[in-house]
Amino acid sequence: MTSTNAGRVALTGADNLVGGQVARALCEEGIGVRALVPPEAPRWHLSDLAIDWRTLRNDEGEAGWSEALHGAGALIVADTQRWSGQTGQAAEARQRSVARLRRVLDAAQRAHIPRVVVVSGEQTLADGSAEGAARLPEDFGSPQTQGLLAVESELYRYVAQGMNVCLVVAGLPLGPGDVRGDQLGLFAPDMPMHEGVLHPCDARDLAQAIVAAARKGRAGRRYPVLGKPVPLEKLTELLDAHGGCARPAASKRHWPPDWALRALPLLSDQAAGELGVRSRPLALTIRDTARWYRQAGMLRY
């Protein structure tokens, strides 16, 4: 995948933190981006970039997807976290997520896209696992987690068919560009204090890993890309030192997410090393995140 011989990269999820940073990383390398987003998707956070925006409904049929992917040199799927929708049922979340994956990858096959990267989330990783062993499905687990697990499992059916598709398992993303405010709770004054560690990862580093996977990832390979483990107490110290005294302008979901706090650290050095990705200091991520939120009017003093 290069700017000269791969055509545009088709990207879903440009309207979220990680996908937006993927779009920015690709544009900075001179690679064209075709962003496939729902009608209501925000775009202002990428207004400085020359992006080919294409609108696709959640129930878009084969013809729409085939047209959107035509001529793309690679496909990056970075919106899987939303596929389970608002359902409270694990079985329904799995069904919805697998149906969406099939729709996208079937269209990619018809469009003869040579490389595909699917982005999943850290919540699929088993506690205490080295290099990211997956959790087992549960009928009573979190619907979003169960949907992601189903996506990861279904992916290997396409690998068996010869599709060049790999998986990046993204750690808890932080950083500038969180247009939906999903991580605003980081700056809430009443963050609960619990024992355990988090694996926050700068979304810009995740984007570099995802782009690297699109360039050189091996078919069927699962790449967990996590930040260094940090105790919640240490995180609050870094927030005090580098986050300023601003607070969220509006109430958002509680932070950290329940799945993010672990009793034991996870390891992802091997995957990050294969993709050639280095994590920037968490203090820098916190500083840049706070600055972006302030400029976007999401934090107030």
Protein backbone atom coordinates (compact mmCIF):
# COMPACT_ATOMS: atom_id res chain seq x y z
CA MET A 1 0.00 0.00 0.00
CA THR A 2 1.68 3.18 -1.19
CA SER A 3 0.51 6.55 -2.41
CA THR A 4 1.54 5.73 -5.97
CA ASN A 5 0.20 2.26 -6.70
CA ALA A 6 -2.57 1.39 -4.26
CA GLY A 7 -5.28 3.94 -5.07
CA ARG A 8 -7.38 5.28 -2.24
CA VAL A 9 -7.86 3.56 1.06
CA ALA A 10 -11.51 2.99 1.92
CA LEU A 11 -12.09 3.67 5.62
CA THR A 12 -15.08 3.15 7.89
CA GLY A 13 -15.17 4.88 11.27
CA ALA A 14 -13.57 8.19 10.30
CA ASP A 15 -16.25 9.78 12.50
CA ASN A 16 -14.72 8.35 15.68
CA LEU A 17 -11.44 8.91 17.51
CA VAL A 18 -9.36 6.04 16.13
CA GLY A 19 -10.77 6.12 12.62
CA GLY A 20 -10.29 9.87 12.43
CA GLN A 21 -6.64 9.51 13.37
CA VAL A 22 -6.26 6.76 10.74
CA ALA A 23 -7.63 9.17 8.13
CA ARG A 24 -5.19 11.84 9.28
CA ALA A 25 -2.20 9.45 9.26
CA LEU A 26 -3.02 8.30 5.72
CA CYS A 27 -3.41 11.84 4.43
CA GLU A 28 -0.10 12.85 6.00
CA GLU A 29 1.54 10.07 4.00
CA GLY A 30 -0.05 11.34 0.79
CA ILE A 31 -2.49 8.43 0.57
CA GLY A 32 -6.01 9.24 -0.58
CA VAL A 33 -8.84 8.45 1.85
CA ARG A 34 -12.40 7.50 0.95
CA ALA A 35 -14.34 7.79 4.22
CA LEU A 36 -17.50 5.69 4.40
CA VAL A 37 -19.77 7.11 7.10
CA PRO A 38 -23.47 7.17 8.08
CA PRO A 39 -25.54 10.25 7.16
CA GLU A 40 -25.40 11.75 10.66
CA ALA A 41 -21.62 11.38 11.04
CA PRO A 42 -19.63 14.44 12.19
CA ARG A 43 -16.95 15.59 9.76
CA TRP A 44 -15.72 18.91 11.16
CA HIS A 45 -12.78 17.37 13.00
CA LEU A 46 -11.22 16.43 9.62
CA SER A 47 -12.22 19.56 7.70
CA ASP A 48 -8.57 20.45 7.07
CA LEU A 49 -8.02 17.24 5.07
CA ALA A 50 -8.88 16.42 1.46
CA ILE A 51 -11.10 13.40 2.13
CA ASP A 52 -13.53 11.79 -0.28
CA TRP A 53 -16.62 11.43 1.93
CA ARG A 54 -19.20 8.79 0.96
CA THR A 55 -22.46 8.37 2.85
CA LEU A 56 -23.70 4.85 3.53
CA ARG A 57 -26.75 3.98 5.59
CA ASN A 58 -26.48 1.31 8.26
CA ASP A 59 -28.76 -0.89 6.14
CA GLU A 60 -26.94 -0.12 2.88
CA GLY A 61 -27.29 -2.94 0.35
CA GLU A 62 -24.77 -4.72 -1.86
CA ALA A 63 -24.90 -2.16 -4.67
CA GLY A 64 -24.08 0.77 -2.36
CA TRP A 65 -21.16 -1.00 -0.73
CA SER A 66 -19.77 -2.26 -4.02
CA GLU A 67 -19.85 1.24 -5.51
CA ALA A 68 -18.22 2.76 -2.41
CA LEU A 69 -15.36 0.25 -2.45
CA HIS A 70 -14.74 0.24 -6.21
CA GLY A 71 -11.14 1.05 -7.03
CA ALA A 72 -9.87 1.11 -3.45
CA GLY A 73 -6.42 -0.34 -2.86
CA ALA A 74 -7.14 -1.30 0.75
CA LEU A 75 -9.99 -1.30 3.25
CA ILE A 76 -9.72 -0.37 6.93
CA VAL A 77 -12.78 -1.19 9.05
CA ALA A 78 -12.65 0.98 12.17
CA ASP A 79 -16.28 1.18 13.30
CA THR A 80 -16.90 -2.35 14.65
CA GLN A 81 -17.51 -1.01 18.18
CA ARG A 82 -20.83 0.44 16.97
CA TRP A 83 -22.11 -2.58 15.09
CA SER A 84 -23.92 -4.17 18.02
CA GLY A 85 -26.16 -1.09 18.24
CA GLN A 86 -28.19 -0.38 21.36
CA THR A 87 -29.33 -3.92 21.98
CA GLY A 88 -29.06 -5.31 25.49
CA GLN A 89 -28.92 -8.92 24.31
CA ALA A 90 -25.61 -10.67 23.67
CA ALA A 91 -27.08 -13.04 21.06
CA GLU A 92 -28.62 -10.17 19.09
CA ALA A 93 -25.36 -8.20 19.26
CA ARG A 94 -23.45 -11.15 17.82
CA GLN A 95 -26.00 -11.56 15.03
CA ARG A 96 -25.97 -7.88 14.10
CA SER A 97 -22.18 -7.63 14.15
CA VAL A 98 -21.60 -10.74 12.05
CA ALA A 99 -24.22 -9.64 9.52
CA ARG A 100 -22.48 -6.26 9.16
CA LEU A 101 -19.04 -7.85 8.80
CA ARG A 102 -20.30 -10.18 6.09
CA ARG A 103 -21.87 -7.29 4.21
CA VAL A 104 -18.61 -5.33 4.26
CA LEU A 105 -16.21 -8.18 3.51
CA ASP A 106 -18.42 -9.69 0.82
CA ALA A 107 -18.40 -6.30 -0.89
CA ALA A 108 -14.61 -6.12 -0.49
CA GLN A 109 -14.30 -9.51 -2.18
CA ARG A 110 -16.48 -8.40 -5.09
CA ALA A 111 -14.38 -5.23 -5.41
CA HIS A 112 -11.16 -7.32 -5.39
CA ILE A 113 -9.62 -5.25 -2.60
CA PRO A 114 -6.17 -6.76 -1.98
CA ARG A 115 -5.74 -5.92 1.73
CA VAL A 116 -8.22 -5.51 4.59
CA VAL A 117 -7.67 -4.52 8.23
CA VAL A 118 -10.45 -4.92 10.79
CA VAL A 119 -10.12 -3.01 14.07
CA SER A 120 -11.52 -4.63 17.22
CA GLY A 121 -11.20 -3.59 20.86
CA GLU A 122 -9.30 -4.52 24.01
CA GLN A 123 -12.50 -5.72 25.69
CA THR A 124 -12.15 -8.97 23.73
CA LEU A 125 -8.84 -9.84 25.44
CA ALA A 126 -8.83 -12.35 28.28
CA ASP A 127 -7.56 -11.19 31.67
CA GLY A 128 -3.87 -11.86 32.22
CA SER A 129 -3.29 -12.97 28.63
CA ALA A 130 0.04 -12.63 26.89
CA GLU A 131 -0.18 -11.17 23.38
CA GLY A 132 -3.92 -11.01 23.56
CA ALA A 133 -5.65 -14.37 23.83
CA ALA A 134 -9.36 -13.88 23.19
CA ARG A 135 -12.12 -14.22 25.75
CA LEU A 136 -14.67 -17.00 25.34
CA PRO A 137 -18.18 -15.98 24.23
CA GLU A 138 -20.77 -15.62 26.99
CA ASP A 139 -24.55 -15.48 26.72
CA PHE A 140 -24.69 -12.93 29.54
CA GLY A 141 -21.60 -10.88 28.67
CA SER A 142 -21.53 -7.27 27.51
CA PRO A 143 -23.38 -7.04 24.16
CA GLN A 144 -20.65 -4.87 22.65
CA THR A 145 -17.92 -7.29 23.74
CA GLN A 146 -19.88 -10.28 22.46
CA GLY A 147 -20.41 -8.53 19.14
CA LEU A 148 -16.69 -7.89 18.78
CA LEU A 149 -15.83 -11.48 19.70
CA ALA A 150 -18.22 -12.69 17.02
CA VAL A 151 -16.58 -10.38 14.48
CA GLU A 152 -13.13 -11.69 15.35
CA SER A 153 -14.29 -15.30 15.03
CA GLU A 154 -16.12 -14.74 11.73
CA LEU A 155 -13.07 -13.04 10.27
CA TYR A 156 -11.24 -16.34 10.01
CA ARG A 157 -13.86 -17.75 7.65
CA TYR A 158 -12.70 -15.15 5.14
CA VAL A 159 -9.05 -15.91 5.84
CA ALA A 160 -9.79 -19.57 5.06
CA GLN A 161 -11.27 -18.43 1.74
CA GLY A 162 -7.96 -16.77 0.88
CA MET A 163 -8.79 -13.18 1.78
CA ASN A 164 -5.82 -11.06 2.91
CA VAL A 165 -7.39 -9.72 6.10
CA CYS A 166 -5.83 -9.16 9.52
CA LEU A 167 -7.05 -7.85 12.86
CA VAL A 168 -5.83 -5.01 15.06
CA VAL A 169 -7.09 -5.16 18.66
CA ALA A 170 -7.00 -1.58 19.89
CA GLY A 171 -6.32 -0.61 23.49
CA LEU A 172 -8.32 2.07 25.32
CA PRO A 173 -7.92 5.05 22.96
CA LEU A 174 -7.07 8.56 24.12
CA GLY A 175 -5.87 11.57 22.21
CA PRO A 176 -6.94 14.54 20.13
CA GLY A 177 -9.82 14.10 17.71
CA ASP A 178 -12.42 12.47 20.00
CA VAL A 179 -15.24 14.15 18.10
CA ARG A 180 -17.94 12.13 19.89
CA GLY A 181 -16.54 12.82 23.38
CA ASP A 182 -16.35 9.13 24.25
CA GLN A 183 -13.37 9.63 26.59
CA LEU A 184 -14.37 12.97 28.15
CA GLY A 185 -14.95 11.22 31.46
CA LEU A 186 -11.17 11.07 31.83
CA PHE A 187 -11.35 14.67 33.04
CA ALA A 188 -14.38 14.26 35.33
CA PRO A 189 -13.65 15.33 38.92
CA ASP A 190 -15.47 12.32 40.39
CA MET A 191 -13.58 9.53 38.59
CA PRO A 192 -13.99 6.38 40.72
CA MET A 193 -10.80 4.98 42.24
CA HIS A 194 -10.30 1.22 42.04
CA GLU A 195 -7.43 -1.21 42.23
CA GLY A 196 -6.04 -2.35 38.91
CA VAL A 197 -4.34 -1.11 35.76
CA LEU A 198 -5.44 0.47 32.50
CA HIS A 199 -3.79 0.21 29.08
CA PRO A 200 -4.49 3.64 27.55
CA CYS A 201 -3.11 4.01 24.05
CA ASP A 202 -2.68 7.22 22.08
CA ALA A 203 -5.05 7.09 19.11
CA ARG A 204 -2.28 8.48 16.91
CA ASP A 205 -0.11 5.48 17.79
CA LEU A 206 -3.03 3.15 17.14
CA ALA A 207 -3.50 4.80 13.75
CA GLN A 208 0.14 4.20 12.85
CA ALA A 209 -0.24 0.54 13.82
CA ILE A 210 -3.39 0.19 11.72
CA VAL A 211 -1.77 1.80 8.69
CA ALA A 212 1.26 -0.48 9.16
CA ALA A 213 -1.06 -3.49 9.32
CA ALA A 214 -2.66 -2.39 6.04
CA ARG A 215 0.80 -2.22 4.54
CA LYS A 216 2.47 -5.37 5.90
CA GLY A 217 0.07 -7.24 8.20
CA ARG A 218 -0.10 -11.00 7.68
CA ALA A 219 -3.39 -12.62 6.74
CA GLY A 220 -5.12 -14.07 9.79
CA ARG A 221 -2.74 -12.36 12.22
CA ARG A 222 -4.20 -10.79 15.36
CA TYR A 223 -2.29 -7.67 16.48
CA PRO A 224 -3.10 -6.42 20.00
CA VAL A 225 -1.84 -2.82 20.24
CA LEU A 226 -2.05 -1.58 23.83
CA GLY A 227 -0.53 1.20 25.85
CA LYS A 228 1.80 0.49 28.74
CA PRO A 229 -0.12 -0.59 31.86
CA VAL A 230 -0.73 2.24 34.29
CA PRO A 231 -2.41 2.06 37.73
CA LEU A 232 -5.46 4.31 38.08
CA GLU A 233 -3.74 6.18 40.91
CA LYS A 234 -0.77 6.99 38.66
CA LEU A 235 -3.13 8.13 35.91
CA THR A 236 -4.77 10.65 38.24
CA GLU A 237 -1.33 12.03 39.11
CA LEU A 238 -0.57 12.52 35.42
CA LEU A 239 -3.95 14.19 34.94
CA ASP A 240 -3.23 16.64 37.76
CA ALA A 241 0.18 17.43 36.28
CA HIS A 242 -0.68 17.62 32.57
CA GLY A 243 -4.45 17.82 32.13
CA GLY A 244 -5.10 21.27 33.55
CA CYS A 245 -8.07 22.10 35.74
CA ALA A 246 -10.76 21.98 33.05
CA ARG A 247 -13.84 19.79 33.46
CA PRO A 248 -16.27 18.31 30.91
CA ALA A 249 -18.81 20.86 29.66
CA ALA A 250 -21.48 18.16 29.52
CA SER A 251 -22.09 14.93 31.36
CA LYS A 252 -20.79 11.86 29.50
CA ARG A 253 -20.57 8.14 30.16
CA HIS A 254 -18.60 7.05 33.19
CA TRP A 255 -14.87 6.55 32.82
CA PRO A 256 -12.96 4.30 32.66
CA PRO A 257 -15.18 1.73 30.91
CA ASP A 258 -15.82 -1.34 33.02
CA TRP A 259 -13.84 -3.58 30.66
CA ALA A 260 -10.74 -1.37 30.73
CA LEU A 261 -9.69 -1.88 34.37
CA ARG A 262 -7.61 -5.04 34.74
CA ALA A 263 -6.21 -6.86 37.75
CA LEU A 264 -3.09 -7.83 35.80
CA PRO A 265 -1.24 -6.18 32.90
CA LEU A 266 -1.65 -7.40 29.33
CA LEU A 267 1.27 -7.76 26.92
CA SER A 268 1.43 -6.62 23.30
CA ASP A 269 5.13 -5.99 22.70
CA GLN A 270 5.43 -8.66 20.02
CA ALA A 271 2.57 -7.35 17.91
CA ALA A 272 3.68 -3.73 18.25
CA GLY A 273 7.23 -4.73 17.37
CA GLU A 274 6.12 -6.54 14.22
CA LEU A 275 4.23 -3.45 13.09
CA GLY A 276 7.07 -1.12 14.09
CA VAL A 277 5.01 1.04 16.43
CA ARG A 278 6.23 2.93 19.48
CA SER A 279 3.97 4.39 22.16
CA ARG A 280 4.44 8.04 23.03
CA PRO A 281 4.51 9.07 26.72
CA LEU A 282 1.11 9.08 28.41
CA ALA A 283 1.78 12.56 29.79
CA LEU A 284 2.02 13.89 26.24
CA THR A 285 -1.22 12.14 25.28
CA ILE A 286 -3.05 13.66 28.25
CA ARG A 287 -1.74 17.15 27.46
CA ASP A 288 -2.72 16.95 23.78
CA THR A 289 -6.11 15.42 24.60
CA ALA A 290 -6.98 18.19 27.06
CA ARG A 291 -5.86 20.86 24.60
CA TRP A 292 -8.02 19.42 21.81
CA TYR A 293 -11.10 19.12 24.04
CA ARG A 294 -10.66 22.73 25.17
CA GLN A 295 -10.36 23.98 21.59
CA ALA A 296 -13.47 21.98 20.66
CA GLY A 297 -15.43 23.52 23.54
CA MET A 298 -15.86 20.19 25.32
CA LEU A 299 -13.93 21.23 28.45
CA ARG A 300 -14.53 24.34 30.55
CA TYR A 301 -12.77 25.98 33.48
